[in-house]
C-alpha atoms as a PDB file:
ATOM      1  CA  MET A   1     129.343  94.072 118.611  1.00  0.00           C
ATOM      2  CA  ASP A   2     130.264  97.271 120.390  1.00  0.00           C
ATOM      3  CA  GLY A   3     127.463  99.306 121.840  1.00  0.00           C
ATOM      4  CA  ILE A   4     126.783 102.975 121.647  1.00  0.00           C
ATOM      5  CA  ALA A   5     126.227 105.137 124.715  1.00  0.00           C
ATOM      6  CA  PHE A   6     125.720 108.869 125.043  1.00  0.00           C
ATOM      7  CA  PHE A   7     124.298 111.553 127.320  1.00  0.00           C
ATOM      8  CA  ILE A   8     122.421 114.599 126.086  1.00  0.00           C
ATOM      9  CA  ASP A   9     122.371 117.583 128.431  1.00  0.00           C
ATOM     10  CA  MET A  10     119.543 119.786 127.228  1.00  0.00           C
ATOM     11  CA  GLU A  11     118.968 123.268 128.603  1.00  0.00           C
ATOM     12  CA  ASP A  12     115.617 123.774 126.862  1.00  0.00           C
ATOM     13  CA  VAL A  13     113.733 120.557 127.592  1.00  0.00           C
ATOM     14  CA  PRO A  14     110.547 120.131 125.545  1.00  0.00           C
ATOM     15  CA  THR A  15     107.414 120.109 127.677  1.00  0.00           C
ATOM     16  CA  SER A  16     105.102 118.666 125.042  1.00  0.00           C
ATOM     17  CA  THR A  17     104.586 114.951 124.411  1.00  0.00           C
ATOM     18  CA  ALA A  18     103.718 112.885 121.344  1.00  0.00           C
ATOM     19  CA  GLN A  19     100.334 112.058 122.878  1.00  0.00           C
ATOM     20  CA  GLU A  20      99.224 115.688 122.521  1.00  0.00           C
ATOM     21  CA  LYS A  21      97.499 115.455 119.154  1.00  0.00           C
ATOM     22  CA  GLY A  22      95.210 117.888 117.431  1.00  0.00           C
ATOM     23  CA  PHE A  23      92.026 116.817 115.672  1.00  0.00           C
ATOM     24  CA  ARG A  24      89.992 118.439 112.954  1.00  0.00           C
ATOM     25  CA  VAL A  25      87.047 117.264 110.901  1.00  0.00           C
ATOM     26  CA  VAL A  26      87.240 117.664 107.135  1.00  0.00           C
ATOM     27  CA  GLY A  27      84.034 116.508 105.501  1.00  0.00           C
ATOM     28  CA  LYS A  28      83.340 113.075 106.966  1.00  0.00           C
ATOM     29  CA  HIS A  29      86.949 112.406 107.937  1.00  0.00           C
ATOM     30  CA  VAL A  30      88.776 113.111 111.176  1.00  0.00           C
ATOM     31  CA  MET A  31      92.296 114.397 110.606  1.00  0.00           C
ATOM     32  CA  VAL A  32      94.880 113.849 113.337  1.00  0.00           C
ATOM     33  CA  PHE A  33      97.915 116.135 113.420  1.00  0.00           C
ATOM     34  CA  ASP A  34     100.772 117.193 115.664  1.00  0.00           C
ATOM     35  CA  LYS A  35     100.223 120.505 117.382  1.00  0.00           C
ATOM     36  CA  PRO A  36     102.981 123.081 116.729  1.00  0.00           C
ATOM     37  CA  LYS A  37     104.434 122.623 120.242  1.00  0.00           C
ATOM     38  CA  THR A  38     104.572 118.842 119.757  1.00  0.00           C
ATOM     39  CA  LYS A  39     106.206 119.197 116.341  1.00  0.00           C
ATOM     40  CA  GLN A  40     108.802 121.539 117.840  1.00  0.00           C
ATOM     41  CA  ALA A  41     109.552 119.034 120.637  1.00  0.00           C
ATOM     42  CA  LYS A  42     110.021 116.224 118.100  1.00  0.00           C
ATOM     43  CA  ASP A  43     112.312 118.437 116.006  1.00  0.00           C
ATOM     44  CA  ILE A  44     114.445 119.345 119.052  1.00  0.00           C
ATOM     45  CA  LEU A  45     114.852 115.701 120.069  1.00  0.00           C
ATOM     46  CA  ALA A  46     115.640 114.608 116.493  1.00  0.00           C
ATOM     47  CA  TRP A  47     118.245 117.386 116.217  1.00  0.00           C
ATOM     48  CA  GLU A  48     119.913 116.308 119.473  1.00  0.00           C
ATOM     49  CA  LEU A  49     119.895 112.605 118.542  1.00  0.00           C
ATOM     50  CA  LYS A  50     121.039 112.814 114.915  1.00  0.00           C
ATOM     51  CA  ARG A  51     124.729 113.166 115.760  1.00  0.00           C
ATOM     52  CA  TYR A  52     124.630 109.694 117.354  1.00  0.00           C
ATOM     53  CA  VAL A  53     123.284 107.828 114.320  1.00  0.00           C
ATOM     54  CA  PRO A  54     125.670 104.944 113.588  1.00  0.00           C
ATOM     55  CA  ALA A  55     127.554 104.976 110.280  1.00  0.00           C
ATOM     56  CA  GLU A  56     126.124 101.556 109.383  1.00  0.00           C
ATOM     57  CA  PRO A  57     122.658 100.360 110.387  1.00  0.00           C
ATOM     58  CA  TYR A  58     122.698  97.631 113.021  1.00  0.00           C
ATOM     59  CA  LYS A  59     121.827  94.147 111.861  1.00  0.00           C
ATOM     60  CA  GLY A  60     119.577  92.087 114.107  1.00  0.00           C
ATOM     61  CA  PRO A  61     117.952  92.981 117.401  1.00  0.00           C
ATOM     62  CA  ILE A  62     119.139  95.888 119.536  1.00  0.00           C
ATOM     63  CA  ARG A  63     118.544  96.944 123.124  1.00  0.00           C
ATOM     64  CA  LEU A  64     117.617 100.507 123.993  1.00  0.00           C
ATOM     65  CA  THR A  65     117.816 101.794 127.549  1.00  0.00           C
ATOM     66  CA  VAL A  66     116.727 105.365 128.243  1.00  0.00           C
ATOM     67  CA  TYR A  67     117.233 107.234 131.507  1.00  0.00           C
ATOM     68  CA  TRP A  68     115.437 110.525 132.073  1.00  0.00           C
ATOM     69  CA  TYR A  69     116.928 112.900 134.640  1.00  0.00           C
ATOM     70  CA  PHE A  70     114.795 115.783 135.822  1.00  0.00           C
ATOM     71  CA  LYS A  71     115.958 118.830 137.728  1.00  0.00           C
ATOM     72  CA  ASN A  72     114.289 119.629 141.021  1.00  0.00           C
ATOM     73  CA  TYR A  73     112.786 123.078 140.614  1.00  0.00           C
END
């Protein structure tokens, strides 16, 4: 099976992470939600990744390797 490889060069890199959750209490229940900044970061990443979705879903196990490159500011 052929692999898929790609590089995404993003100018506006999200600075929020999925761990940044919001909490609110409604009655006796705690509601967990994504903060607006976190939701925006997820949307940006999904938008960048969606063009690389394979035409057919892979069957069986896959390997994912991710490299993060950060600019020196």
